[in-house]
PDB file of all heavy atoms in Angstrom:
ATOM      1  N   ALA A   1      49.956  61.501  16.614  1.00  0.00           N
ATOM      2  CA  ALA A   1      49.342  61.029  17.864  1.00  0.00           C
ATOM      3  C   ALA A   1      48.184  60.105  17.525  1.00  0.00           C
ATOM      4  O   ALA A   1      47.276  60.441  16.755  1.00  0.00           O
ATOM      5  CB  ALA A   1      48.892  62.177  18.690  1.00  0.00           C
ATOM      6  N   ALA A   2      48.181  58.944  18.151  1.00  0.00           N
ATOM      7  CA  ALA A   2      47.143  57.942  17.891  1.00  0.00           C
ATOM      8  C   ALA A   2      46.244  57.754  19.079  1.00  0.00           C
ATOM      9  O   ALA A   2      46.722  57.779  20.221  1.00  0.00           O
ATOM     10  CB  ALA A   2      47.771  56.615  17.539  1.00  0.00           C
ATOM     11  N   SER A   3      44.987  57.521  18.814  1.00  0.00           N
ATOM     12  CA  SER A   3      44.065  57.198  19.899  1.00  0.00           C
ATOM     13  C   SER A   3      43.138  56.077  19.386  1.00  0.00           C
ATOM     14  O   SER A   3      43.047  55.800  18.195  1.00  0.00           O
ATOM     15  CB  SER A   3      43.186  58.423  20.302  1.00  0.00           C
ATOM     16  OG  SER A   3      42.455  58.881  19.188  1.00  0.00           O
ATOM     17  N   GLY A   4      42.479  55.410  20.277  1.00  0.00           N
ATOM     18  CA  GLY A   4      41.645  54.285  19.917  1.00  0.00           C
ATOM     19  C   GLY A   4      42.245  52.985  20.327  1.00  0.00           C
ATOM     20  O   GLY A   4      42.710  52.825  21.421  1.00  0.00           O
ATOM     21  N   ARG A   5      42.340  52.051  19.389  1.00  0.00           N
ATOM     22  CA  ARG A   5      42.845  50.735  19.711  1.00  0.00           C
ATOM     23  C   ARG A   5      44.313  50.816  20.050  1.00  0.00           C
ATOM     24  O   ARG A   5      44.990  51.775  19.808  1.00  0.00           O
ATOM     25  CB  ARG A   5      42.543  49.801  18.536  1.00  0.00           C
ATOM     26  CG  ARG A   5      41.090  49.582  18.280  1.00  0.00           C
ATOM     27  CD  ARG A   5      40.672  48.202  18.534  1.00  0.00           C
ATOM     28  NE  ARG A   5      39.249  47.944  18.328  1.00  0.00           N
ATOM     29  CZ  ARG A   5      38.787  47.024  17.537  1.00  0.00           C
ATOM     30  NH1 ARG A   5      39.653  46.281  16.829  1.00  0.00           N
ATOM     31  NH2 ARG A   5      37.525  46.805  17.433  1.00  0.00           N
ATOM     32  N   THR A   6      44.807  49.709  20.542  1.00  0.00           N
ATOM     33  CA  THR A   6      46.225  49.658  20.991  1.00  0.00           C
ATOM     34  C   THR A   6      47.166  50.015  19.891  1.00  0.00           C
ATOM     35  O   THR A   6      47.332  49.290  18.894  1.00  0.00           O
ATOM     36  CB  THR A   6      46.505  48.228  21.526  1.00  0.00           C
ATOM     37  OG1 THR A   6      45.547  47.875  22.466  1.00  0.00           O
ATOM     38  CG2 THR A   6      47.879  48.204  22.167  1.00  0.00           C
ATOM     39  N   PHE A   7      47.873  51.128  20.113  1.00  0.00           N
ATOM     40  CA  PHE A   7      48.794  51.714  19.149  1.00  0.00           C
ATOM     41  C   PHE A   7      49.929  50.677  18.815  1.00  0.00           C
ATOM     42  O   PHE A   7      50.315  50.584  17.650  1.00  0.00           O
ATOM     43  CB  PHE A   7      49.381  52.958  19.707  1.00  0.00           C
ATOM     44  CG  PHE A   7      50.442  53.609  18.855  1.00  0.00           C
ATOM     45  CD1 PHE A   7      50.094  54.229  17.658  1.00  0.00           C
ATOM     46  CD2 PHE A   7      51.737  53.656  19.255  1.00  0.00           C
ATOM     47  CE1 PHE A   7      51.026  54.793  16.862  1.00  0.00           C
ATOM     48  CE2 PHE A   7      52.713  54.248  18.501  1.00  0.00           C
ATOM     49  CZ  PHE A   7      52.363  54.834  17.265  1.00  0.00           C
ATOM     50  N   SER A   8      50.389  49.936  19.764  1.00  0.00           N
ATOM     51  CA  SER A   8      51.558  49.107  19.520  1.00  0.00           C
ATOM     52  C   SER A   8      51.189  47.887  18.674  1.00  0.00           C
ATOM     53  O   SER A   8      52.102  47.128  18.290  1.00  0.00           O
ATOM     54  CB  SER A   8      52.057  48.606  20.891  1.00  0.00           C
ATOM     55  OG  SER A   8      51.133  47.876  21.577  1.00  0.00           O
ATOM     56  N   ARG A   9      49.918  47.678  18.327  1.00  0.00           N
ATOM     57  CA  ARG A   9      49.588  46.607  17.437  1.00  0.00           C
ATOM     58  C   ARG A   9      49.837  46.971  15.962  1.00  0.00           C
ATOM     59  O   ARG A   9      49.749  46.121  15.098  1.00  0.00           O
ATOM     60  CB  ARG A   9      48.084  46.263  17.580  1.00  0.00           C
ATOM     61  CG  ARG A   9      47.723  45.658  18.906  1.00  0.00           C
ATOM     62  CD  ARG A   9      46.249  45.363  18.918  1.00  0.00           C
ATOM     63  NE  ARG A   9      45.844  44.483  17.816  1.00  0.00           N
ATOM     64  CZ  ARG A   9      44.605  44.224  17.472  1.00  0.00           C
ATOM     65  NH1 ARG A   9      43.635  44.839  18.120  1.00  0.00           N
ATOM     66  NH2 ARG A   9      44.346  43.404  16.463  1.00  0.00           N
ATOM     67  N   TYR A  10      50.047  48.222  15.705  1.00  0.00           N
ATOM     68  CA  TYR A  10      50.085  48.692  14.295  1.00  0.00           C
ATOM     69  C   TYR A  10      51.465  49.084  13.808  1.00  0.00           C
ATOM     70  O   TYR A  10      52.213  49.670  14.519  1.00  0.00           O
ATOM     71  CB  TYR A  10      49.147  49.953  14.189  1.00  0.00           C
ATOM     72  CG  TYR A  10      47.721  49.649  14.437  1.00  0.00           C
ATOM     73  CD1 TYR A  10      47.188  49.655  15.680  1.00  0.00           C
ATOM     74  CD2 TYR A  10      46.838  49.370  13.364  1.00  0.00           C
ATOM     75  CE1 TYR A  10      45.855  49.412  15.973  1.00  0.00           C
ATOM     76  CE2 TYR A  10      45.523  49.057  13.581  1.00  0.00           C
ATOM     77  CZ  TYR A  10      45.015  49.094  14.890  1.00  0.00           C
ATOM     78  OH  TYR A  10      43.704  48.795  15.083  1.00  0.00           O
ATOM     79  N   GLY A  11      51.695  48.670  12.572  1.00  0.00           N
ATOM     80  CA  GLY A  11      52.832  49.268  11.878  1.00  0.00           C
ATOM     81  C   GLY A  11      52.440  50.668  11.450  1.00  0.00           C
ATOM     82  O   GLY A  11      51.275  50.970  11.273  1.00  0.00           O
ATOM     83  N   MET A  12      53.402  51.560  11.381  1.00  0.00           N
ATOM     84  CA  MET A  12      53.165  52.963  11.054  1.00  0.00           C
ATOM     85  C   MET A  12      53.904  53.423   9.820  1.00  0.00           C
ATOM     86  O   MET A  12      55.028  52.916   9.569  1.00  0.00           O
ATOM     87  CB  MET A  12      53.509  53.853  12.202  1.00  0.00           C
ATOM     88  CG  MET A  12      52.727  53.599  13.529  1.00  0.00           C
ATOM     89  SD  MET A  12      50.992  53.897  13.288  1.00  0.00           S
ATOM     90  CE  MET A  12      50.954  55.669  12.984  1.00  0.00           C
ATOM     91  N   GLY A  13      53.316  54.324   9.054  1.00  0.00           N
ATOM     92  CA  GLY A  13      54.007  54.828   7.920  1.00  0.00           C
ATOM     93  C   GLY A  13      53.782  56.304   7.754  1.00  0.00           C
ATOM     94  O   GLY A  13      52.808  56.851   8.279  1.00  0.00           O
ATOM     95  N   TRP A  14      54.661  56.929   7.003  1.00  0.00           N
ATOM     96  CA  TRP A  14      54.487  58.341   6.592  1.00  0.00           C
ATOM     97  C   TRP A  14      54.492  58.355   5.099  1.00  0.00           C
ATOM     98  O   TRP A  14      55.295  57.704   4.403  1.00  0.00           O
ATOM     99  CB  TRP A  14      55.653  59.204   7.139  1.00  0.00           C
ATOM    100  CG  TRP A  14      55.561  59.470   8.585  1.00  0.00           C
ATOM    101  CD1 TRP A  14      56.202  58.814   9.578  1.00  0.00           C
ATOM    102  CD2 TRP A  14      54.857  60.547   9.223  1.00  0.00           C
ATOM    103  NE1 TRP A  14      55.896  59.352  10.816  1.00  0.00           N
ATOM    104  CE2 TRP A  14      55.085  60.446  10.615  1.00  0.00           C
ATOM    105  CE3 TRP A  14      54.075  61.560   8.753  1.00  0.00           C
ATOM    106  CZ2 TRP A  14      54.536  61.314  11.525  1.00  0.00           C
ATOM    107  CZ3 TRP A  14      53.526  62.464   9.678  1.00  0.00           C
ATOM    108  CH2 TRP A  14      53.742  62.316  11.012  1.00  0.00           C
ATOM    109  N   PHE A  15      53.570  59.166   4.543  1.00  0.00           N
ATOM    110  CA  PHE A  15      53.441  59.390   3.150  1.00  0.00           C
ATOM    111  C   PHE A  15      53.353  60.887   2.911  1.00  0.00           C
ATOM    112  O   PHE A  15      53.143  61.639   3.830  1.00  0.00           O
ATOM    113  CB  PHE A  15      52.165  58.747   2.601  1.00  0.00           C
ATOM    114  CG  PHE A  15      52.208  57.237   2.593  1.00  0.00           C
ATOM    115  CD1 PHE A  15      52.068  56.493   3.731  1.00  0.00           C
ATOM    116  CD2 PHE A  15      52.339  56.527   1.362  1.00  0.00           C
ATOM    117  CE1 PHE A  15      52.084  55.110   3.768  1.00  0.00           C
ATOM    118  CE2 PHE A  15      52.391  55.125   1.360  1.00  0.00           C
ATOM    119  CZ  PHE A  15      52.241  54.446   2.556  1.00  0.00           C
ATOM    120  N   ARG A  16      53.524  61.285   1.676  1.00  0.00           N
ATOM    121  CA  ARG A  16      53.395  62.711   1.350  1.00  0.00           C
ATOM    122  C   ARG A  16      52.779  62.861  -0.032  1.00  0.00           C
ATOM    123  O   ARG A  16      52.863  62.027  -0.894  1.00  0.00           O
ATOM    124  CB  ARG A  16      54.764  63.409   1.421  1.00  0.00           C
ATOM    125  CG  ARG A  16      55.761  62.984   0.391  1.00  0.00           C
ATOM    126  CD  ARG A  16      57.107  63.626   0.612  1.00  0.00           C
ATOM    127  NE  ARG A  16      58.104  63.258  -0.367  1.00  0.00           N
ATOM    128  CZ  ARG A  16      59.382  63.598  -0.319  1.00  0.00           C
ATOM    129  NH1 ARG A  16      59.887  64.261   0.759  1.00  0.00           N
ATOM    130  NH2 ARG A  16      60.218  63.250  -1.241  1.00  0.00           N
ATOM    131  N   GLN A  17      52.156  64.075  -0.239  1.00  0.00           N
ATOM    132  CA  GLN A  17      51.521  64.308  -1.473  1.00  0.00           C
ATOM    133  C   GLN A  17      51.705  65.838  -1.780  1.00  0.00           C
ATOM    134  O   GLN A  17      51.313  66.678  -0.915  1.00  0.00           O
ATOM    135  CB  GLN A  17      50.014  63.992  -1.418  1.00  0.00           C
ATOM    136  CG  GLN A  17      49.348  64.128  -2.757  1.00  0.00           C
ATOM    137  CD  GLN A  17      47.935  63.445  -2.735  1.00  0.00           C
ATOM    138  OE1 GLN A  17      47.329  63.276  -1.669  1.00  0.00           O
ATOM    139  NE2 GLN A  17      47.414  63.157  -3.882  1.00  0.00           N
ATOM    140  N   SER A  18      52.201  66.099  -2.951  1.00  0.00           N
ATOM    141  CA  SER A  18      52.349  67.470  -3.410  1.00  0.00           C
ATOM    142  C   SER A  18      51.330  67.686  -4.530  1.00  0.00           C
ATOM    143  O   SER A  18      50.884  66.724  -5.155  1.00  0.00           O
ATOM    144  CB  SER A  18      53.765  67.796  -3.823  1.00  0.00           C
ATOM    145  OG  SER A  18      54.241  66.805  -4.711  1.00  0.00           O
ATOM    146  N   PRO A  19      51.002  68.992  -4.873  1.00  0.00           N
ATOM    147  CA  PRO A  19      49.974  69.230  -5.862  1.00  0.00           C
ATOM    148  C   PRO A  19      50.250  68.598  -7.181  1.00  0.00           C
ATOM    149  O   PRO A  19      51.361  68.673  -7.717  1.00  0.00           O
ATOM    150  CB  PRO A  19      50.010  70.760  -5.946  1.00  0.00           C
ATOM    151  CG  PRO A  19      50.470  71.224  -4.618  1.00  0.00           C
ATOM    152  CD  PRO A  19      51.476  70.178  -4.214  1.00  0.00           C
ATOM    153  N   GLY A  20      49.254  67.904  -7.738  1.00  0.00           N
ATOM    154  CA  GLY A  20      49.362  67.301  -9.037  1.00  0.00           C
ATOM    155  C   GLY A  20      50.073  65.979  -8.989  1.00  0.00           C
ATOM    156  O   GLY A  20      50.279  65.381 -10.086  1.00  0.00           O
ATOM    157  N   LYS A  21      50.471  65.514  -7.851  1.00  0.00           N
ATOM    158  CA  LYS A  21      51.178  64.218  -7.745  1.00  0.00           C
ATOM    159  C   LYS A  21      50.406  63.229  -6.901  1.00  0.00           C
ATOM    160  O   LYS A  21      49.608  63.617  -6.066  1.00  0.00           O
ATOM    161  CB  LYS A  21      52.571  64.461  -7.214  1.00  0.00           C
ATOM    162  CG  LYS A  21      53.488  65.220  -8.104  1.00  0.00           C
ATOM    163  CD  LYS A  21      54.916  65.264  -7.517  1.00  0.00           C
ATOM    164  CE  LYS A  21      55.850  66.062  -8.428  1.00  0.00           C
ATOM    165  NZ  LYS A  21      57.219  66.059  -7.913  1.00  0.00           N
ATOM    166  N   GLU A  22      50.722  61.950  -7.100  1.00  0.00           N
ATOM    167  CA  GLU A  22      50.105  60.972  -6.269  1.00  0.00           C
ATOM    168  C   GLU A  22      50.779  60.922  -4.879  1.00  0.00           C
ATOM    169  O   GLU A  22      51.917  61.323  -4.763  1.00  0.00           O
ATOM    170  CB  GLU A  22      50.247  59.558  -6.914  1.00  0.00           C
ATOM    171  CG  GLU A  22      49.412  59.429  -8.159  1.00  0.00           C
ATOM    172  CD  GLU A  22      49.284  58.009  -8.593  1.00  0.00           C
ATOM    173  OE1 GLU A  22      49.901  57.128  -8.019  1.00  0.00           O
ATOM    174  OE2 GLU A  22      48.597  57.750  -9.604  1.00  0.00           O
ATOM    175  N   ARG A  23      50.014  60.398  -3.938  1.00  0.00           N
ATOM    176  CA  ARG A  23      50.572  60.231  -2.565  1.00  0.00           C
ATOM    177  C   ARG A  23      51.671  59.198  -2.645  1.00  0.00           C
ATOM    178  O   ARG A  23      51.471  58.110  -3.144  1.00  0.00           O
ATOM    179  CB  ARG A  23      49.483  59.848  -1.587  1.00  0.00           C
ATOM    180  CG  ARG A  23      49.873  59.937  -0.165  1.00  0.00           C
ATOM    181  CD  ARG A  23      48.678  59.738   0.741  1.00  0.00           C
ATOM    182  NE  ARG A  23      47.634  60.762   0.508  1.00  0.00           N
ATOM    183  CZ  ARG A  23      46.567  60.873   1.310  1.00  0.00           C
ATOM    184  NH1 ARG A  23      46.357  60.085   2.327  1.00  0.00           N
ATOM    185  NH2 ARG A  23      45.650  61.778   0.986  1.00  0.00           N
ATOM    186  N   GLU A  24      52.822  59.549  -2.115  1.00  0.00           N
ATOM    187  CA  GLU A  24      53.959  58.674  -2.182  1.00  0.00           C
ATOM    188  C   GLU A  24      54.471  58.280  -0.785  1.00  0.00           C
ATOM    189  O   GLU A  24      54.370  59.023   0.146  1.00  0.00           O
ATOM    190  CB  GLU A  24      55.116  59.306  -2.951  1.00  0.00           C
ATOM    191  CG  GLU A  24      55.710  60.530  -2.343  1.00  0.00           C
ATOM    192  CD  GLU A  24      56.950  61.048  -3.087  1.00  0.00           C
ATOM    193  OE1 GLU A  24      57.312  60.465  -4.131  1.00  0.00           O
ATOM    194  OE2 GLU A  24      57.510  62.057  -2.664  1.00  0.00           O
ATOM    195  N   PHE A  25      55.068  57.092  -0.749  1.00  0.00           N
ATOM    196  CA  PHE A  25      55.656  56.563   0.423  1.00  0.00           C
ATOM    197  C   PHE A  25      56.867  57.314   0.868  1.00  0.00           C
ATOM    198  O   PHE A  25      57.708  57.685   0.001  1.00  0.00           O
ATOM    199  CB  PHE A  25      55.989  55.037   0.262  1.00  0.00           C
ATOM    200  CG  PHE A  25      56.805  54.435   1.326  1.00  0.00           C
ATOM    201  CD1 PHE A  25      56.236  54.073   2.522  1.00  0.00           C
ATOM    202  CD2 PHE A  25      58.150  54.297   1.173  1.00  0.00           C
ATOM    203  CE1 PHE A  25      56.992  53.534   3.562  1.00  0.00           C
ATOM    204  CE2 PHE A  25      58.956  53.752   2.182  1.00  0.00           C
ATOM    205  CZ  PHE A  25      58.351  53.392   3.375  1.00  0.00           C
ATOM    206  N   VAL A  26      57.014  57.537   2.166  1.00  0.00           N
ATOM    207  CA  VAL A  26      58.230  58.183   2.724  1.00  0.00           C
ATOM    208  C   VAL A  26      59.005  57.286   3.642  1.00  0.00           C
ATOM    209  O   VAL A  26      60.195  57.084   3.400  1.00  0.00           O
ATOM    210  CB  VAL A  26      57.829  59.447   3.469  1.00  0.00           C
ATOM    211  CG1 VAL A  26      59.047  60.105   4.132  1.00  0.00           C
ATOM    212  CG2 VAL A  26      57.151  60.443   2.529  1.00  0.00           C
ATOM    213  N   ALA A  27      58.317  56.705   4.628  1.00  0.00           N
ATOM    214  CA  ALA A  27      59.020  55.904   5.621  1.00  0.00           C
ATOM    215  C   ALA A  27      58.005  55.031   6.346  1.00  0.00           C
ATOM    216  O   ALA A  27      56.825  55.377   6.407  1.00  0.00           O
ATOM    217  CB  ALA A  27      59.760  56.745   6.621  1.00  0.00           C
TER     218      ALA A  27
END
């Protein structure tokens, strides 16, 4: 859920991070 400036102006992404690993791109 986004609040603040106009949400539709932004591209969105999902990332994930597991212990001991770098944050990685998902979608």
